[in-house]
């Protein structure tokens, strides 16, 4: 069975989640804004889902864009 492994980026605020979505899409990554999964605690109700293989590039783009995250976790 083959498939894509996903991860989620968590945030402290909704505004950071929206900013991160904009930064990552501008950087060419396929991301999707989703409700924060129940297994993860977060101050914000939104998370970004991305391909786990893109996590290092996502971290670089978020750092360059000044986006503060509350964590990055594999699903």
N, C-alpha and C. Protein backbone atom coordinates (compact mmCIF):
# COMPACT_ATOMS: atom_id res chain seq x y z
N UNK A 1 0.85 -1.19 0.00
CA UNK A 1 0.00 0.00 0.00
C UNK A 1 0.89 1.24 0.00
N UNK A 2 0.62 2.15 -0.89
CA UNK A 2 1.39 3.39 -0.93
C UNK A 2 0.46 4.56 -0.64
N UNK A 3 1.05 5.59 -0.09
CA UNK A 3 0.26 6.77 0.22
C UNK A 3 1.17 7.86 0.69
N UNK A 4 0.59 9.00 0.87
CA UNK A 4 1.36 10.15 1.34
C UNK A 4 1.24 10.23 2.85
N UNK A 5 2.38 10.40 3.51
CA UNK A 5 2.36 10.66 4.94
C UNK A 5 2.18 12.16 5.14
N UNK A 6 1.32 12.52 6.08
CA UNK A 6 1.04 13.93 6.33
C UNK A 6 1.53 14.36 7.71
N UNK A 7 1.70 15.65 7.83
CA UNK A 7 2.01 16.26 9.10
C UNK A 7 1.12 17.46 9.28
N UNK A 8 1.11 17.98 10.50
CA UNK A 8 0.35 19.19 10.78
C UNK A 8 1.24 20.19 11.49
N UNK A 9 1.04 21.44 11.15
CA UNK A 9 1.71 22.54 11.82
C UNK A 9 0.67 23.19 12.72
N UNK A 10 1.01 23.33 13.99
CA UNK A 10 0.09 23.94 14.96
C UNK A 10 0.50 25.38 15.23
N UNK A 11 -0.47 26.18 15.67
CA UNK A 11 -0.25 27.61 15.87
C UNK A 11 -0.86 28.09 17.17
N UNK A 12 -0.37 29.23 17.65
CA UNK A 12 -0.92 29.86 18.85
C UNK A 12 -2.14 30.72 18.52
N UNK A 13 -2.17 31.26 17.30
CA UNK A 13 -3.26 32.16 16.92
C UNK A 13 -3.75 31.85 15.51
N UNK A 14 -5.00 32.19 15.26
CA UNK A 14 -5.58 32.01 13.93
C UNK A 14 -4.85 32.88 12.91
N UNK A 15 -4.45 34.08 13.32
CA UNK A 15 -3.76 34.96 12.37
C UNK A 15 -2.43 34.35 11.91
N UNK A 16 -1.73 33.65 12.80
CA UNK A 16 -0.47 32.99 12.40
C UNK A 16 -0.76 31.82 11.46
N UNK A 17 -1.85 31.10 11.70
CA UNK A 17 -2.24 29.99 10.82
C UNK A 17 -2.50 30.51 9.41
N UNK A 18 -3.22 31.62 9.32
CA UNK A 18 -3.54 32.19 8.01
C UNK A 18 -2.29 32.74 7.33
N UNK A 19 -1.42 33.37 8.10
CA UNK A 19 -0.17 33.88 7.54
C UNK A 19 0.69 32.72 7.03
N UNK A 20 0.75 31.64 7.80
CA UNK A 20 1.54 30.48 7.41
C UNK A 20 1.01 29.87 6.12
N UNK A 21 -0.30 29.79 6.00
CA UNK A 21 -0.90 29.25 4.77
C UNK A 21 -0.45 30.07 3.56
N UNK A 22 -0.49 31.38 3.71
CA UNK A 22 -0.09 32.27 2.62
C UNK A 22 1.39 32.10 2.28
N UNK A 23 2.24 32.05 3.30
CA UNK A 23 3.69 31.91 3.10
C UNK A 23 4.03 30.58 2.42
N UNK A 24 3.42 29.50 2.91
CA UNK A 24 3.75 28.19 2.36
C UNK A 24 3.22 28.00 0.94
N UNK A 25 2.03 28.51 0.66
CA UNK A 25 1.50 28.43 -0.71
C UNK A 25 2.35 29.27 -1.66
N UNK A 26 2.79 30.45 -1.21
CA UNK A 26 3.66 31.29 -2.04
C UNK A 26 4.99 30.59 -2.30
N UNK A 27 5.42 29.75 -1.36
CA UNK A 27 6.65 28.99 -1.52
C UNK A 27 6.49 27.72 -2.34
N UNK A 28 5.29 27.48 -2.84
CA UNK A 28 5.06 26.35 -3.72
C UNK A 28 4.66 25.05 -3.04
N UNK A 29 4.36 25.11 -1.74
CA UNK A 29 3.96 23.89 -1.04
C UNK A 29 2.45 23.73 -1.06
N UNK A 30 2.02 22.49 -1.17
CA UNK A 30 0.59 22.18 -1.12
C UNK A 30 0.21 22.00 0.34
N UNK A 31 -0.55 22.95 0.88
CA UNK A 31 -0.99 22.89 2.26
C UNK A 31 -2.50 23.06 2.32
N UNK A 32 -3.08 22.62 3.42
CA UNK A 32 -4.52 22.76 3.59
C UNK A 32 -4.81 23.15 5.02
N UNK A 33 -5.61 24.19 5.21
CA UNK A 33 -6.03 24.62 6.54
C UNK A 33 -7.11 23.65 7.03
N UNK A 34 -6.88 23.07 8.21
CA UNK A 34 -7.81 22.08 8.76
C UNK A 34 -8.07 22.39 10.23
N UNK A 35 -9.15 21.84 10.79
CA UNK A 35 -9.32 21.96 12.25
C UNK A 35 -8.17 21.22 12.95
N UNK A 36 -7.70 21.76 14.06
CA UNK A 36 -6.62 21.10 14.79
C UNK A 36 -7.08 19.71 15.22
N UNK A 37 -6.32 18.67 14.86
CA UNK A 37 -6.70 17.31 15.26
C UNK A 37 -6.79 17.18 16.78
N UNK A 38 -7.73 16.39 17.25
CA UNK A 38 -7.99 16.25 18.69
C UNK A 38 -6.79 15.78 19.49
N UNK A 39 -5.94 14.95 18.86
CA UNK A 39 -4.81 14.40 19.62
C UNK A 39 -3.74 15.44 19.94
N UNK A 40 -3.83 16.61 19.34
CA UNK A 40 -2.84 17.67 19.57
C UNK A 40 -3.49 18.83 20.30
N UNK A 41 -2.82 19.32 21.31
CA UNK A 41 -3.29 20.48 22.05
C UNK A 41 -2.77 21.73 21.37
N UNK A 42 -3.62 22.71 21.22
CA UNK A 42 -3.21 23.94 20.58
C UNK A 42 -4.08 25.09 21.08
N UNK A 43 -3.52 26.28 21.09
CA UNK A 43 -4.28 27.46 21.47
C UNK A 43 -5.25 27.86 20.36
N UNK A 44 -4.93 27.45 19.15
CA UNK A 44 -5.69 27.84 17.97
C UNK A 44 -6.48 26.64 17.46
N UNK A 45 -7.64 26.89 16.91
CA UNK A 45 -8.48 25.82 16.39
C UNK A 45 -8.11 25.36 15.00
N UNK A 46 -7.09 25.99 14.39
CA UNK A 46 -6.71 25.64 13.04
C UNK A 46 -5.28 25.12 12.99
N UNK A 47 -5.04 24.23 12.06
CA UNK A 47 -3.71 23.69 11.79
C UNK A 47 -3.55 23.63 10.28
N UNK A 48 -2.31 23.49 9.85
CA UNK A 48 -2.05 23.31 8.42
C UNK A 48 -1.59 21.89 8.19
N UNK A 49 -2.21 21.23 7.23
CA UNK A 49 -1.78 19.88 6.85
C UNK A 49 -0.86 20.00 5.64
N UNK A 50 0.22 19.23 5.68
CA UNK A 50 1.16 19.23 4.56
C UNK A 50 1.75 17.84 4.43
N UNK A 51 2.34 17.57 3.26
CA UNK A 51 3.03 16.31 3.07
C UNK A 51 4.22 16.28 4.02
N UNK A 52 4.41 15.18 4.74
CA UNK A 52 5.49 15.07 5.71
C UNK A 52 6.84 15.26 5.05
N UNK A 53 6.97 14.87 3.81
CA UNK A 53 8.23 15.04 3.07
C UNK A 53 8.58 16.52 2.88
N UNK A 54 7.60 17.41 2.98
CA UNK A 54 7.83 18.85 2.79
C UNK A 54 8.14 19.58 4.09
N UNK A 55 8.24 18.86 5.22
CA UNK A 55 8.36 19.53 6.52
C UNK A 55 9.59 20.42 6.65
N UNK A 56 10.75 19.98 6.14
CA UNK A 56 11.96 20.80 6.29
C UNK A 56 11.84 22.09 5.49
N UNK A 57 11.32 21.99 4.28
CA UNK A 57 11.12 23.20 3.46
C UNK A 57 10.09 24.12 4.12
N UNK A 58 9.05 23.53 4.68
CA UNK A 58 8.03 24.33 5.36
C UNK A 58 8.62 25.08 6.54
N UNK A 59 9.46 24.42 7.33
CA UNK A 59 10.10 25.08 8.47
C UNK A 59 10.97 26.24 8.01
N UNK A 60 11.69 26.05 6.91
CA UNK A 60 12.53 27.13 6.37
C UNK A 60 11.68 28.31 5.94
N UNK A 61 10.62 28.04 5.19
CA UNK A 61 9.75 29.12 4.71
C UNK A 61 9.07 29.86 5.86
N UNK A 62 8.63 29.12 6.86
CA UNK A 62 7.96 29.75 8.00
C UNK A 62 8.94 30.63 8.77
N UNK A 63 10.16 30.16 8.96
CA UNK A 63 11.17 30.97 9.65
C UNK A 63 11.48 32.24 8.86
N UNK A 64 11.65 32.09 7.55
CA UNK A 64 11.92 33.25 6.69
C UNK A 64 10.76 34.24 6.71
N UNK A 65 9.54 33.72 6.82
CA UNK A 65 8.35 34.57 6.81
C UNK A 65 7.98 35.13 8.16
N UNK A 66 8.76 34.80 9.20
CA UNK A 66 8.47 35.30 10.54
C UNK A 66 7.22 34.72 11.17
N UNK A 67 6.90 33.48 10.80
CA UNK A 67 5.70 32.83 11.32
C UNK A 67 6.07 32.00 12.55
N UNK A 68 5.40 32.28 13.67
CA UNK A 68 5.62 31.52 14.90
C UNK A 68 4.67 30.32 14.91
N UNK A 69 5.24 29.14 15.21
CA UNK A 69 4.42 27.94 15.26
C UNK A 69 4.39 27.38 16.68
N UNK A 70 3.44 26.50 16.93
CA UNK A 70 3.34 25.83 18.22
C UNK A 70 3.77 24.37 18.09
N UNK A 71 4.29 24.00 16.94
CA UNK A 71 4.77 22.63 16.77
C UNK A 71 4.47 22.07 15.40
N UNK A 72 5.19 21.02 15.06
CA UNK A 72 5.02 20.30 13.80
C UNK A 72 5.00 18.83 14.15
N UNK A 73 3.95 18.14 13.78
CA UNK A 73 3.76 16.75 14.17
C UNK A 73 3.34 15.90 12.99
N UNK A 74 3.81 14.65 12.98
CA UNK A 74 3.41 13.72 11.93
C UNK A 74 2.05 13.12 12.29
N UNK A 75 1.22 12.95 11.28
CA UNK A 75 -0.09 12.32 11.49
C UNK A 75 0.03 10.84 11.29
